[in-house]
Amino acid sequence: MNILREGKAYVAWLSVYGSEEQRRLAAEFVEYILQKAEEAGIPDAEYRVKQFVLELINILARAGKRYRRDALKAVSTVEKTLRATASAGLSATALYSVYSGLYSGTVVSSVASAIALAEVEQFRKAVDYLQKAAKALYEAAREAFEKVKVTAQRLVELFVEAVTQMLAWIDEHKAYLFLMAAAAAGAVALATALNLWSLIELEKFTT
């Protein structure tokens, strides 16, 4: 196991969560660091770890804001696609259920987690979070989606497409690996993934 990579993924995951769960996980993380520091015979291990934790808290706060901002951009991309392809014929109440579901805490935090995990190459876990986001959105507006024949699987595809595009702006190689992981997991068809990547490549040469 690549300890460094797993550690980065853990920190990224923590950066987009809050509440009691984050405090519990953070406490376990700090205890682990302290144990390793003491085993290594580092002088003033407890003090040094506490200083590290304070610095880490500041880093996580900044990272959490960025991941949330990126997540909102990805969610907005999904919204635009749905508005263009599936909003016709829906009542104002149905549209409200779709929009409130899209921008719910569960959906936004799940997409933020997916972006954070993909950045540290935890692609399969990132896909899991997008599937969670799609399921939450579908359940929040099931009646509306059934009326316009948008399936939960289609929502997964839209989230994968949006996050792939987001990642491509940050790191094109990771974006490609994430997209292939999504295809391997069955979140999108391989043909769909390859077509999306062709569009991303085309956009790169035309902008």
N, C-alpha and C. Protein backbone atom coordinates (compact mmCIF):
# COMPACT_ATOMS: atom_id res chain seq x y z
N MET A 1 0.84 -1.20 0.00
CA MET A 1 0.00 0.00 0.00
C MET A 1 0.88 1.24 0.00
N ASN A 2 0.50 2.23 -0.79
CA ASN A 2 1.22 3.49 -0.81
C ASN A 2 0.72 4.34 0.35
N ILE A 3 1.49 4.37 1.44
CA ILE A 3 1.05 5.05 2.66
C ILE A 3 0.83 6.54 2.41
N LEU A 4 1.75 7.15 1.66
CA LEU A 4 1.63 8.58 1.42
C LEU A 4 0.35 8.90 0.66
N ARG A 5 0.06 8.11 -0.36
CA ARG A 5 -1.14 8.36 -1.15
C ARG A 5 -2.39 8.17 -0.32
N GLU A 6 -2.42 7.09 0.47
CA GLU A 6 -3.58 6.85 1.32
C GLU A 6 -3.76 7.99 2.33
N GLY A 7 -2.64 8.48 2.85
CA GLY A 7 -2.72 9.59 3.80
C GLY A 7 -3.27 10.84 3.17
N LYS A 8 -2.83 11.13 1.93
CA LYS A 8 -3.35 12.30 1.22
C LYS A 8 -4.84 12.16 0.97
N ALA A 9 -5.25 10.97 0.60
CA ALA A 9 -6.68 10.75 0.35
C ALA A 9 -7.49 10.97 1.63
N TYR A 10 -6.93 10.52 2.74
CA TYR A 10 -7.60 10.66 4.03
C TYR A 10 -7.77 12.14 4.37
N VAL A 11 -6.69 12.91 4.18
CA VAL A 11 -6.75 14.34 4.46
C VAL A 11 -7.75 15.02 3.53
N ALA A 12 -7.75 14.65 2.25
CA ALA A 12 -8.68 15.25 1.31
C ALA A 12 -10.12 14.95 1.71
N TRP A 13 -10.35 13.74 2.16
CA TRP A 13 -11.70 13.36 2.58
C TRP A 13 -12.13 14.18 3.78
N LEU A 14 -11.23 14.34 4.74
CA LEU A 14 -11.54 15.13 5.92
C LEU A 14 -11.86 16.58 5.55
N SER A 15 -11.20 17.09 4.53
CA SER A 15 -11.32 18.52 4.21
C SER A 15 -12.70 18.90 3.73
N VAL A 16 -13.52 17.95 3.32
CA VAL A 16 -14.85 18.29 2.85
C VAL A 16 -15.95 17.77 3.77
N TYR A 17 -15.57 17.34 4.97
CA TYR A 17 -16.56 16.90 5.94
C TYR A 17 -16.45 17.71 7.22
N GLY A 18 -17.52 17.75 7.94
CA GLY A 18 -17.50 18.49 9.20
C GLY A 18 -18.19 17.66 10.28
N SER A 19 -18.59 18.32 11.34
CA SER A 19 -19.39 17.72 12.40
C SER A 19 -18.62 16.70 13.22
N GLU A 20 -19.35 15.90 13.93
CA GLU A 20 -18.78 14.95 14.88
C GLU A 20 -17.90 13.90 14.19
N GLU A 21 -18.31 13.47 13.01
CA GLU A 21 -17.54 12.46 12.29
C GLU A 21 -16.14 12.96 11.96
N GLN A 22 -16.04 14.21 11.51
CA GLN A 22 -14.72 14.75 11.20
C GLN A 22 -13.86 14.81 12.45
N ARG A 23 -14.45 15.26 13.56
CA ARG A 23 -13.66 15.36 14.79
C ARG A 23 -13.15 14.00 15.24
N ARG A 24 -13.98 12.98 15.10
CA ARG A 24 -13.56 11.63 15.49
C ARG A 24 -12.41 11.15 14.61
N LEU A 25 -12.57 11.31 13.31
CA LEU A 25 -11.54 10.86 12.39
C LEU A 25 -10.25 11.66 12.56
N ALA A 26 -10.40 12.96 12.76
CA ALA A 26 -9.23 13.81 12.94
C ALA A 26 -8.48 13.40 14.21
N ALA A 27 -9.24 13.08 15.27
CA ALA A 27 -8.61 12.66 16.52
C ALA A 27 -7.81 11.38 16.33
N GLU A 28 -8.37 10.44 15.57
CA GLU A 28 -7.66 9.19 15.30
C GLU A 28 -6.40 9.45 14.47
N PHE A 29 -6.51 10.37 13.53
CA PHE A 29 -5.37 10.71 12.68
C PHE A 29 -4.24 11.31 13.51
N VAL A 30 -4.60 12.24 14.40
CA VAL A 30 -3.60 12.89 15.25
C VAL A 30 -2.95 11.88 16.19
N GLU A 31 -3.76 10.98 16.75
CA GLU A 31 -3.22 9.96 17.65
C GLU A 31 -2.22 9.06 16.93
N TYR A 32 -2.53 8.75 15.68
CA TYR A 32 -1.63 7.91 14.88
C TYR A 32 -0.30 8.63 14.65
N ILE A 33 -0.36 9.91 14.29
CA ILE A 33 0.86 10.70 14.05
C ILE A 33 1.71 10.77 15.32
N LEU A 34 1.04 11.03 16.44
CA LEU A 34 1.76 11.13 17.71
C LEU A 34 2.45 9.82 18.05
N GLN A 35 1.77 8.72 17.84
CA GLN A 35 2.35 7.40 18.12
C GLN A 35 3.60 7.18 17.29
N LYS A 36 3.53 7.51 16.00
CA LYS A 36 4.67 7.32 15.12
C LYS A 36 5.82 8.25 15.49
N ALA A 37 5.48 9.47 15.89
CA ALA A 37 6.53 10.42 16.28
C ALA A 37 7.25 9.95 17.53
N GLU A 38 6.51 9.42 18.50
CA GLU A 38 7.12 8.93 19.72
C GLU A 38 7.96 7.68 19.45
N GLU A 39 7.47 6.82 18.57
CA GLU A 39 8.22 5.61 18.22
C GLU A 39 9.54 5.96 17.54
N ALA A 40 9.53 7.06 16.79
CA ALA A 40 10.74 7.49 16.09
C ALA A 40 11.69 8.26 17.00
N GLY A 41 11.27 8.49 18.26
CA GLY A 41 12.12 9.18 19.20
C GLY A 41 12.28 10.67 18.92
N ILE A 42 11.28 11.28 18.33
CA ILE A 42 11.34 12.72 18.03
C ILE A 42 11.19 13.51 19.32
N PRO A 43 12.13 14.42 19.62
CA PRO A 43 12.03 15.24 20.83
C PRO A 43 10.76 16.10 20.82
N ASP A 44 10.15 16.28 21.99
CA ASP A 44 8.93 17.10 22.11
C ASP A 44 7.87 16.67 21.10
N ALA A 45 7.67 15.38 20.98
CA ALA A 45 6.76 14.85 19.95
C ALA A 45 5.36 15.43 20.07
N GLU A 46 4.83 15.48 21.32
CA GLU A 46 3.46 15.95 21.50
C GLU A 46 3.32 17.40 21.05
N TYR A 47 4.29 18.25 21.43
CA TYR A 47 4.23 19.67 21.05
C TYR A 47 4.31 19.81 19.53
N ARG A 48 5.23 19.08 18.92
CA ARG A 48 5.41 19.18 17.48
C ARG A 48 4.17 18.72 16.73
N VAL A 49 3.54 17.66 17.21
CA VAL A 49 2.32 17.16 16.57
C VAL A 49 1.20 18.18 16.69
N LYS A 50 1.09 18.80 17.88
CA LYS A 50 0.04 19.82 18.06
C LYS A 50 0.24 20.99 17.10
N GLN A 51 1.48 21.40 16.91
CA GLN A 51 1.77 22.48 15.97
C GLN A 51 1.41 22.07 14.54
N PHE A 52 1.71 20.82 14.23
CA PHE A 52 1.37 20.30 12.91
C PHE A 52 -0.14 20.29 12.70
N VAL A 53 -0.86 19.89 13.73
CA VAL A 53 -2.32 19.82 13.63
C VAL A 53 -2.92 21.20 13.40
N LEU A 54 -2.41 22.20 14.11
CA LEU A 54 -2.91 23.56 13.91
C LEU A 54 -2.69 24.02 12.46
N GLU A 55 -1.52 23.71 11.94
CA GLU A 55 -1.22 24.07 10.55
C GLU A 55 -2.14 23.30 9.60
N LEU A 56 -2.36 22.03 9.92
CA LEU A 56 -3.20 21.19 9.08
C LEU A 56 -4.64 21.71 9.05
N ILE A 57 -5.14 22.16 10.19
CA ILE A 57 -6.50 22.69 10.26
C ILE A 57 -6.67 23.86 9.31
N ASN A 58 -5.67 24.74 9.29
CA ASN A 58 -5.72 25.89 8.38
C ASN A 58 -5.70 25.45 6.92
N ILE A 59 -4.86 24.46 6.63
CA ILE A 59 -4.78 23.94 5.25
C ILE A 59 -6.11 23.32 4.84
N LEU A 60 -6.70 22.53 5.73
CA LEU A 60 -7.96 21.87 5.42
C LEU A 60 -9.08 22.86 5.21
N ALA A 61 -9.09 23.92 5.99
CA ALA A 61 -10.12 24.94 5.84
C ALA A 61 -10.06 25.56 4.45
N ARG A 62 -8.84 25.88 4.01
CA ARG A 62 -8.69 26.46 2.68
C ARG A 62 -9.04 25.46 1.59
N ALA A 63 -8.57 24.22 1.78
CA ALA A 63 -8.85 23.18 0.79
C ALA A 63 -10.34 22.89 0.70
N GLY A 64 -11.00 22.84 1.84
CA GLY A 64 -12.44 22.58 1.86
C GLY A 64 -13.21 23.60 1.07
N LYS A 65 -12.83 24.87 1.18
CA LYS A 65 -13.50 25.93 0.43
C LYS A 65 -13.30 25.75 -1.06
N ARG A 66 -12.09 25.37 -1.46
CA ARG A 66 -11.83 25.19 -2.90
C ARG A 66 -12.60 24.01 -3.45
N TYR A 67 -12.62 22.89 -2.71
CA TYR A 67 -13.35 21.72 -3.18
C TYR A 67 -14.84 22.02 -3.30
N ARG A 68 -15.37 22.78 -2.35
CA ARG A 68 -16.79 23.13 -2.40
C ARG A 68 -17.06 24.03 -3.60
N ARG A 69 -16.15 24.98 -3.85
CA ARG A 69 -16.32 25.88 -5.00
C ARG A 69 -16.30 25.08 -6.30
N ASP A 70 -15.35 24.14 -6.41
CA ASP A 70 -15.27 23.31 -7.61
C ASP A 70 -16.51 22.42 -7.73
N ALA A 71 -16.99 21.92 -6.61
CA ALA A 71 -18.18 21.08 -6.63
C ALA A 71 -19.40 21.86 -7.13
N LEU A 72 -19.53 23.09 -6.69
CA LEU A 72 -20.66 23.91 -7.13
C LEU A 72 -20.59 24.18 -8.64
N LYS A 73 -19.37 24.32 -9.17
CA LYS A 73 -19.22 24.49 -10.61
C LYS A 73 -19.66 23.23 -11.35
N ALA A 74 -19.28 22.08 -10.82
CA ALA A 74 -19.66 20.81 -11.44
C ALA A 74 -21.18 20.62 -11.37
N VAL A 75 -21.77 20.92 -10.23
CA VAL A 75 -23.22 20.81 -10.07
C VAL A 75 -23.94 21.75 -11.03
N SER A 76 -23.36 22.94 -11.20
CA SER A 76 -23.94 23.90 -12.15
C SER A 76 -23.92 23.36 -13.57
N THR A 77 -22.87 22.63 -13.91
CA THR A 77 -22.79 22.01 -15.24
C THR A 77 -23.90 20.99 -15.42
N VAL A 78 -24.14 20.18 -14.39
CA VAL A 78 -25.24 19.21 -14.43
C VAL A 78 -26.57 19.94 -14.57
N GLU A 79 -26.73 21.00 -13.83
CA GLU A 79 -27.97 21.78 -13.90
C GLU A 79 -28.24 22.29 -15.32
N LYS A 80 -27.21 22.84 -15.96
CA LYS A 80 -27.36 23.37 -17.32
C LYS A 80 -27.79 22.28 -18.29
N THR A 81 -27.21 21.09 -18.14
CA THR A 81 -27.56 19.99 -19.04
C THR A 81 -29.01 19.57 -18.82
N LEU A 82 -29.41 19.46 -17.57
CA LEU A 82 -30.79 19.07 -17.27
C LEU A 82 -31.77 20.13 -17.75
N ARG A 83 -31.40 21.38 -17.57
CA ARG A 83 -32.29 22.47 -17.99
C ARG A 83 -32.48 22.46 -19.51
N ALA A 84 -31.40 22.12 -20.22
CA ALA A 84 -31.46 22.13 -21.68
C ALA A 84 -32.16 20.90 -22.26
N THR A 85 -32.12 19.80 -21.54
CA THR A 85 -32.61 18.55 -22.11
C THR A 85 -33.85 17.96 -21.44
N ALA A 86 -34.16 18.38 -20.21
CA ALA A 86 -35.21 17.67 -19.48
C ALA A 86 -36.18 18.55 -18.72
N SER A 87 -36.06 19.87 -18.83
CA SER A 87 -36.91 20.73 -18.00
C SER A 87 -38.24 21.07 -18.66
N ALA A 88 -38.34 20.89 -19.97
CA ALA A 88 -39.58 21.22 -20.68
C ALA A 88 -40.74 20.37 -20.17
N GLY A 89 -41.83 21.03 -19.89
CA GLY A 89 -43.01 20.31 -19.44
C GLY A 89 -43.11 20.09 -17.95
N LEU A 90 -42.08 20.44 -17.23
CA LEU A 90 -42.13 20.29 -15.77
C LEU A 90 -42.78 21.49 -15.13
N SER A 91 -43.54 21.24 -14.10
CA SER A 91 -44.18 22.34 -13.37
C SER A 91 -43.14 23.08 -12.54
N ALA A 92 -43.53 24.25 -12.03
CA ALA A 92 -42.62 25.02 -11.20
C ALA A 92 -42.25 24.24 -9.94
N THR A 93 -43.20 23.49 -9.41
CA THR A 93 -42.94 22.69 -8.22
C THR A 93 -41.92 21.58 -8.51
N ALA A 94 -42.09 20.94 -9.67
CA ALA A 94 -41.17 19.87 -10.05
C ALA A 94 -39.76 20.42 -10.28
N LEU A 95 -39.67 21.57 -10.94
CA LEU A 95 -38.37 22.19 -11.18
C LEU A 95 -37.70 22.56 -9.86
N TYR A 96 -38.49 23.04 -8.93
CA TYR A 96 -37.93 23.41 -7.62
C TYR A 96 -37.36 22.18 -6.93
N SER A 97 -38.03 21.05 -7.03
CA SER A 97 -37.53 19.83 -6.38
C SER A 97 -36.21 19.39 -7.00
N VAL A 98 -36.08 19.59 -8.32
CA VAL A 98 -34.83 19.24 -9.00
C VAL A 98 -33.71 20.16 -8.53
N TYR A 99 -33.97 21.48 -8.54
CA TYR A 99 -32.92 22.43 -8.17
C TYR A 99 -32.54 22.33 -6.70
N SER A 100 -33.52 22.14 -5.84
CA SER A 100 -33.20 22.02 -4.42
C SER A 100 -32.43 20.73 -4.15
N GLY A 101 -32.73 19.67 -4.90
CA GLY A 101 -31.97 18.43 -4.77
C GLY A 101 -30.55 18.59 -5.26
N LEU A 102 -30.40 19.29 -6.38
CA LEU A 102 -29.06 19.51 -6.96
C LEU A 102 -28.14 20.22 -5.99
N TYR A 103 -28.66 21.24 -5.35
CA TYR A 103 -27.81 22.07 -4.49
C TYR A 103 -27.96 21.71 -3.01
N SER A 104 -28.43 20.51 -2.73
CA SER A 104 -28.54 20.06 -1.34
C SER A 104 -27.16 19.77 -0.78
N GLY A 105 -27.07 19.76 0.53
CA GLY A 105 -25.80 19.49 1.18
C GLY A 105 -25.23 18.13 0.81
N THR A 106 -26.10 17.12 0.70
CA THR A 106 -25.64 15.78 0.38
C THR A 106 -25.00 15.73 -0.99
N VAL A 107 -25.65 16.34 -1.97
CA VAL A 107 -25.14 16.30 -3.35
C VAL A 107 -23.84 17.09 -3.47
N VAL A 108 -23.84 18.32 -2.95
CA VAL A 108 -22.66 19.16 -3.09
C VAL A 108 -21.46 18.56 -2.35
N SER A 109 -21.67 18.06 -1.13
CA SER A 109 -20.56 17.49 -0.37
C SER A 109 -20.05 16.20 -1.01
N SER A 110 -20.95 15.42 -1.61
CA SER A 110 -20.53 14.19 -2.28
C SER A 110 -19.69 14.50 -3.51
N VAL A 111 -20.10 15.52 -4.26
CA VAL A 111 -19.32 15.91 -5.45
C VAL A 111 -17.97 16.49 -5.02
N ALA A 112 -17.96 17.28 -3.94
CA ALA A 112 -16.70 17.82 -3.42
C ALA A 112 -15.77 16.69 -3.01
N SER A 113 -16.31 15.68 -2.37
CA SER A 113 -15.50 14.53 -1.96
C SER A 113 -14.93 13.82 -3.18
N ALA A 114 -15.75 13.68 -4.21
CA ALA A 114 -15.29 13.00 -5.43
C ALA A 114 -14.12 13.75 -6.06
N ILE A 115 -14.22 15.06 -6.13
CA ILE A 115 -13.14 15.87 -6.71
C ILE A 115 -11.87 15.74 -5.87
N ALA A 116 -12.03 15.84 -4.56
CA ALA A 116 -10.88 15.75 -3.66
C ALA A 116 -10.19 14.39 -3.78
N LEU A 117 -10.97 13.33 -3.82
CA LEU A 117 -10.41 11.99 -3.92
C LEU A 117 -9.77 11.74 -5.28
N ALA A 118 -10.38 12.24 -6.32
CA ALA A 118 -9.80 12.07 -7.66
C ALA A 118 -8.45 12.78 -7.77
N GLU A 119 -8.32 13.92 -7.11
CA GLU A 119 -7.07 14.67 -7.16
C GLU A 119 -5.91 13.88 -6.54
N VAL A 120 -6.23 13.01 -5.58
CA VAL A 120 -5.18 12.18 -4.97
C VAL A 120 -5.23 10.75 -5.51
N GLU A 121 -5.85 10.61 -6.69
CA GLU A 121 -5.84 9.36 -7.45
C GLU A 121 -6.60 8.22 -6.79
N GLN A 122 -7.57 8.57 -5.96
CA GLN A 122 -8.47 7.55 -5.41
C GLN A 122 -9.73 7.53 -6.27
N PHE A 123 -9.55 7.08 -7.52
CA PHE A 123 -10.59 7.26 -8.53
C PHE A 123 -11.84 6.42 -8.26
N ARG A 124 -11.66 5.18 -7.82
CA ARG A 124 -12.84 4.34 -7.58
C ARG A 124 -13.69 4.90 -6.45
N LYS A 125 -13.04 5.39 -5.41
CA LYS A 125 -13.80 6.00 -4.32
C LYS A 125 -14.51 7.26 -4.79
N ALA A 126 -13.85 8.00 -5.67
CA ALA A 126 -14.47 9.22 -6.21
C ALA A 126 -15.75 8.88 -6.98
N VAL A 127 -15.70 7.81 -7.76
CA VAL A 127 -16.88 7.36 -8.50
C VAL A 127 -18.01 6.98 -7.54
N ASP A 128 -17.66 6.32 -6.45
CA ASP A 128 -18.67 5.95 -5.45
C ASP A 128 -19.41 7.17 -4.94
N TYR A 129 -18.68 8.25 -4.70
CA TYR A 129 -19.31 9.47 -4.18
C TYR A 129 -20.22 10.11 -5.22
N LEU A 130 -19.86 10.02 -6.48
CA LEU A 130 -20.74 10.57 -7.53
C LEU A 130 -22.00 9.73 -7.66
N GLN A 131 -21.88 8.45 -7.48
CA GLN A 131 -23.07 7.59 -7.49
C GLN A 131 -23.98 7.93 -6.31
N LYS A 132 -23.37 8.25 -5.18
CA LYS A 132 -24.13 8.68 -4.02
C LYS A 132 -24.85 10.00 -4.30
N ALA A 133 -24.16 10.92 -4.96
CA ALA A 133 -24.77 12.21 -5.30
C ALA A 133 -25.95 12.02 -6.25
N ALA A 134 -25.77 11.17 -7.25
CA ALA A 134 -26.83 10.92 -8.22
C ALA A 134 -28.05 10.28 -7.57
N LYS A 135 -27.80 9.33 -6.67
CA LYS A 135 -28.90 8.67 -5.97
C LYS A 135 -29.67 9.66 -5.11
N ALA A 136 -28.95 10.54 -4.41
CA ALA A 136 -29.61 11.53 -3.55
C ALA A 136 -30.45 12.48 -4.39
N LEU A 137 -29.92 12.91 -5.54
CA LEU A 137 -30.67 13.82 -6.40
C LEU A 137 -31.90 13.13 -6.96
N TYR A 138 -31.75 11.90 -7.40
CA TYR A 138 -32.89 11.18 -7.99
C TYR A 138 -34.00 11.00 -6.96
N GLU A 139 -33.64 10.64 -5.75
CA GLU A 139 -34.65 10.44 -4.71
C GLU A 139 -35.32 11.75 -4.31
N ALA A 140 -34.59 12.86 -4.41
CA ALA A 140 -35.15 14.17 -4.04
C ALA A 140 -36.19 14.65 -5.05
N ALA A 141 -36.07 14.17 -6.30
CA ALA A 141 -36.99 14.64 -7.34
C ALA A 141 -37.42 13.48 -8.23
N ARG A 142 -37.70 12.36 -7.62
CA ARG A 142 -38.01 11.14 -8.37
C ARG A 142 -39.19 11.35 -9.33
N GLU A 143 -40.25 11.96 -8.86
CA GLU A 143 -41.45 12.16 -9.69
C GLU A 143 -41.13 12.98 -10.94
N ALA A 144 -40.34 14.04 -10.74
CA ALA A 144 -39.98 14.90 -11.88
C ALA A 144 -39.12 14.12 -12.88
N PHE A 145 -38.15 13.38 -12.39
CA PHE A 145 -37.27 12.64 -13.28
C PHE A 145 -38.01 11.52 -14.01
N GLU A 146 -38.94 10.88 -13.32
CA GLU A 146 -39.72 9.84 -13.97
C GLU A 146 -40.57 10.42 -15.10
N LYS A 147 -41.09 11.63 -14.88
CA LYS A 147 -41.94 12.27 -15.89
C LYS A 147 -41.16 12.57 -17.16
N VAL A 148 -39.91 13.01 -17.02
CA VAL A 148 -39.11 13.35 -18.21
C VAL A 148 -38.18 12.22 -18.62
N LYS A 149 -38.39 11.05 -17.98
CA LYS A 149 -37.63 9.83 -18.33
C LYS A 149 -36.11 10.00 -18.19
N VAL A 150 -35.72 10.61 -17.09
CA VAL A 150 -34.30 10.70 -16.72
C VAL A 150 -34.05 9.69 -15.62
N THR A 151 -33.20 8.72 -15.88
CA THR A 151 -32.94 7.66 -14.90
C THR A 151 -31.84 8.06 -13.93
N ALA A 152 -31.75 7.31 -12.85
CA ALA A 152 -30.67 7.54 -11.88
C ALA A 152 -29.31 7.30 -12.54
N GLN A 153 -29.24 6.32 -13.45
CA GLN A 153 -27.99 6.04 -14.15
C GLN A 153 -27.59 7.22 -15.02
N ARG A 154 -28.55 7.87 -15.64
CA ARG A 154 -28.24 9.04 -16.46
C ARG A 154 -27.68 10.17 -15.61
N LEU A 155 -28.18 10.31 -14.39
CA LEU A 155 -27.65 11.32 -13.48
C LEU A 155 -26.21 11.01 -13.11
N VAL A 156 -25.92 9.72 -12.89
CA VAL A 156 -24.53 9.33 -12.62
C VAL A 156 -23.64 9.77 -13.77
N GLU A 157 -24.07 9.51 -14.99
CA GLU A 157 -23.30 9.88 -16.17
C GLU A 157 -23.05 11.39 -16.22
N LEU A 158 -24.09 12.17 -15.91
CA LEU A 158 -23.94 13.62 -15.95
C LEU A 158 -22.94 14.11 -14.90
N PHE A 159 -22.97 13.52 -13.72
CA PHE A 159 -22.01 13.91 -12.69
C PHE A 159 -20.59 13.51 -13.08
N VAL A 160 -20.44 12.33 -13.66
CA VAL A 160 -19.11 11.89 -14.11
C VAL A 160 -18.58 12.84 -15.18
N GLU A 161 -19.43 13.20 -16.13
CA GLU A 161 -19.03 14.12 -17.19
C GLU A 161 -18.60 15.47 -16.61
N ALA A 162 -19.40 15.99 -15.68
CA ALA A 162 -19.10 17.30 -15.10
C ALA A 162 -17.80 17.30 -14.31
N VAL A 163 -17.58 16.24 -13.53
CA VAL A 163 -16.35 16.17 -12.73
C VAL A 163 -15.14 15.92 -13.62
N THR A 164 -15.31 15.14 -14.68
CA THR A 164 -14.20 14.94 -15.62
C THR A 164 -13.78 16.27 -16.23
N GLN A 165 -14.74 17.06 -16.63
CA GLN A 165 -14.44 18.37 -17.20
C GLN A 165 -13.75 19.27 -16.17
N MET A 166 -14.22 19.21 -14.94
CA MET A 166 -13.61 20.00 -13.87
C MET A 166 -12.15 19.57 -13.65
N LEU A 167 -11.93 18.28 -13.59
CA LEU A 167 -10.58 17.77 -13.37
C LEU A 167 -9.65 18.08 -14.54
N ALA A 168 -10.20 18.09 -15.75
CA ALA A 168 -9.38 18.37 -16.93
C ALA A 168 -8.76 19.76 -16.88
N TRP A 169 -9.44 20.70 -16.23
CA TRP A 169 -8.88 22.05 -16.07
C TRP A 169 -7.72 22.05 -15.09
N ILE A 170 -7.74 21.08 -14.16
CA ILE A 170 -6.71 21.01 -13.11
C ILE A 170 -5.54 20.13 -13.54
N ASP A 171 -5.88 18.91 -13.99
CA ASP A 171 -4.85 17.92 -14.36
C ASP A 171 -5.46 16.97 -15.39
N GLU A 172 -5.10 17.14 -16.64
CA GLU A 172 -5.72 16.38 -17.72
C GLU A 172 -5.48 14.88 -17.57
N HIS A 173 -4.29 14.50 -17.13
CA HIS A 173 -3.98 13.08 -16.97
C HIS A 173 -4.88 12.43 -15.92
N LYS A 174 -5.05 13.10 -14.79
CA LYS A 174 -5.91 12.56 -13.74
C LYS A 174 -7.36 12.51 -14.21
N ALA A 175 -7.77 13.50 -14.98
CA ALA A 175 -9.13 13.51 -15.51
C ALA A 175 -9.37 12.26 -16.37
N TYR A 176 -8.40 11.93 -17.20
CA TYR A 176 -8.53 10.75 -18.06
C TYR A 176 -8.58 9.46 -17.23
N LEU A 177 -7.70 9.36 -16.24
CA LEU A 177 -7.69 8.16 -15.39
C LEU A 177 -8.99 8.02 -14.61
N PHE A 178 -9.52 9.15 -14.14
CA PHE A 178 -10.80 9.12 -13.43
C PHE A 178 -11.91 8.63 -14.35
N LEU A 179 -11.93 9.15 -15.57
CA LEU A 179 -12.98 8.77 -16.52
C LEU A 179 -12.90 7.29 -16.85
N MET A 180 -11.69 6.76 -17.02
CA MET A 180 -11.54 5.33 -17.30
C MET A 180 -11.96 4.49 -16.08
N ALA A 181 -11.69 5.00 -14.87
CA ALA A 181 -12.13 4.29 -13.67
C ALA A 181 -13.65 4.26 -13.60
N ALA A 182 -14.27 5.36 -13.99
CA ALA A 182 -15.74 5.42 -14.00
C ALA A 182 -16.30 4.41 -15.00
N ALA A 183 -15.65 4.28 -16.15
CA ALA A 183 -16.09 3.31 -17.15
C ALA A 183 -15.90 1.89 -16.64
N ALA A 184 -14.76 1.64 -15.98
CA ALA A 184 -14.48 0.31 -15.44
C ALA A 184 -15.49 -0.08 -14.36
N ALA A 185 -15.97 0.93 -13.63
CA ALA A 185 -16.94 0.68 -12.55
C ALA A 185 -18.37 0.59 -13.07
N GLY A 186 -18.56 0.84 -14.36
CA GLY A 186 -19.90 0.78 -14.92
C GLY A 186 -20.72 2.03 -14.72
N ALA A 187 -20.06 3.10 -14.27
CA ALA A 187 -20.79 4.36 -14.06
C ALA A 187 -21.14 5.02 -15.39
N VAL A 188 -20.29 4.81 -16.39
CA VAL A 188 -20.57 5.25 -17.75
C VAL A 188 -20.12 4.16 -18.71
N ALA A 189 -20.73 4.09 -19.87
CA ALA A 189 -20.30 3.13 -20.88
C ALA A 189 -18.95 3.57 -21.43
N LEU A 190 -18.13 2.61 -21.82
CA LEU A 190 -16.81 2.94 -22.34
C LEU A 190 -16.92 3.83 -23.57
N ALA A 191 -17.88 3.54 -24.45
CA ALA A 191 -18.05 4.36 -25.66
C ALA A 191 -18.39 5.79 -25.29
N THR A 192 -19.24 5.95 -24.27
CA THR A 192 -19.61 7.29 -23.81
C THR A 192 -18.40 8.01 -23.25
N ALA A 193 -17.59 7.29 -22.47
CA ALA A 193 -16.40 7.88 -21.88
C ALA A 193 -15.41 8.34 -22.96
N LEU A 194 -15.20 7.50 -23.95
CA LEU A 194 -14.26 7.84 -25.02
C LEU A 194 -14.77 9.01 -25.84
N ASN A 195 -16.08 9.06 -26.05
CA ASN A 195 -16.66 10.18 -26.79
C ASN A 195 -16.49 11.48 -26.01
N LEU A 196 -16.73 11.41 -24.71
CA LEU A 196 -16.56 12.60 -23.87
C LEU A 196 -15.12 13.07 -23.91
N TRP A 197 -14.18 12.13 -23.83
CA TRP A 197 -12.77 12.52 -23.84
C TRP A 197 -12.38 13.15 -25.18
N SER A 198 -12.96 12.65 -26.26
CA SER A 198 -12.70 13.25 -27.57
C SER A 198 -13.18 14.70 -27.61
N LEU A 199 -14.33 14.96 -26.99
CA LEU A 199 -14.85 16.33 -26.95
C LEU A 199 -13.96 17.23 -26.11
N ILE A 200 -13.45 16.70 -25.00
CA ILE A 200 -12.54 17.49 -24.16
C ILE A 200 -11.27 17.81 -24.92
N GLU A 201 -10.73 16.84 -25.64
CA GLU A 201 -9.53 17.05 -26.44
C GLU A 201 -9.78 18.06 -27.55
N LEU A 202 -10.95 17.96 -28.18
CA LEU A 202 -11.29 18.89 -29.25
C LEU A 202 -11.40 20.31 -28.72
N GLU A 203 -12.04 20.44 -27.56
CA GLU A 203 -12.18 21.77 -26.96
C GLU A 203 -10.82 22.38 -26.64
N LYS A 204 -9.87 21.54 -26.25
CA LYS A 204 -8.53 22.01 -25.91
C LYS A 204 -7.87 22.67 -27.12
N PHE A 205 -8.13 22.10 -28.30
CA PHE A 205 -7.46 22.61 -29.50
C PHE A 205 -8.23 23.74 -30.17
N THR A 206 -9.44 23.99 -29.70
CA THR A 206 -10.24 25.05 -30.31
C THR A 206 -10.41 26.28 -29.43
N THR A 207 -9.80 26.25 -28.22
CA THR A 207 -9.91 27.39 -27.31
C THR A 207 -8.54 28.04 -27.12
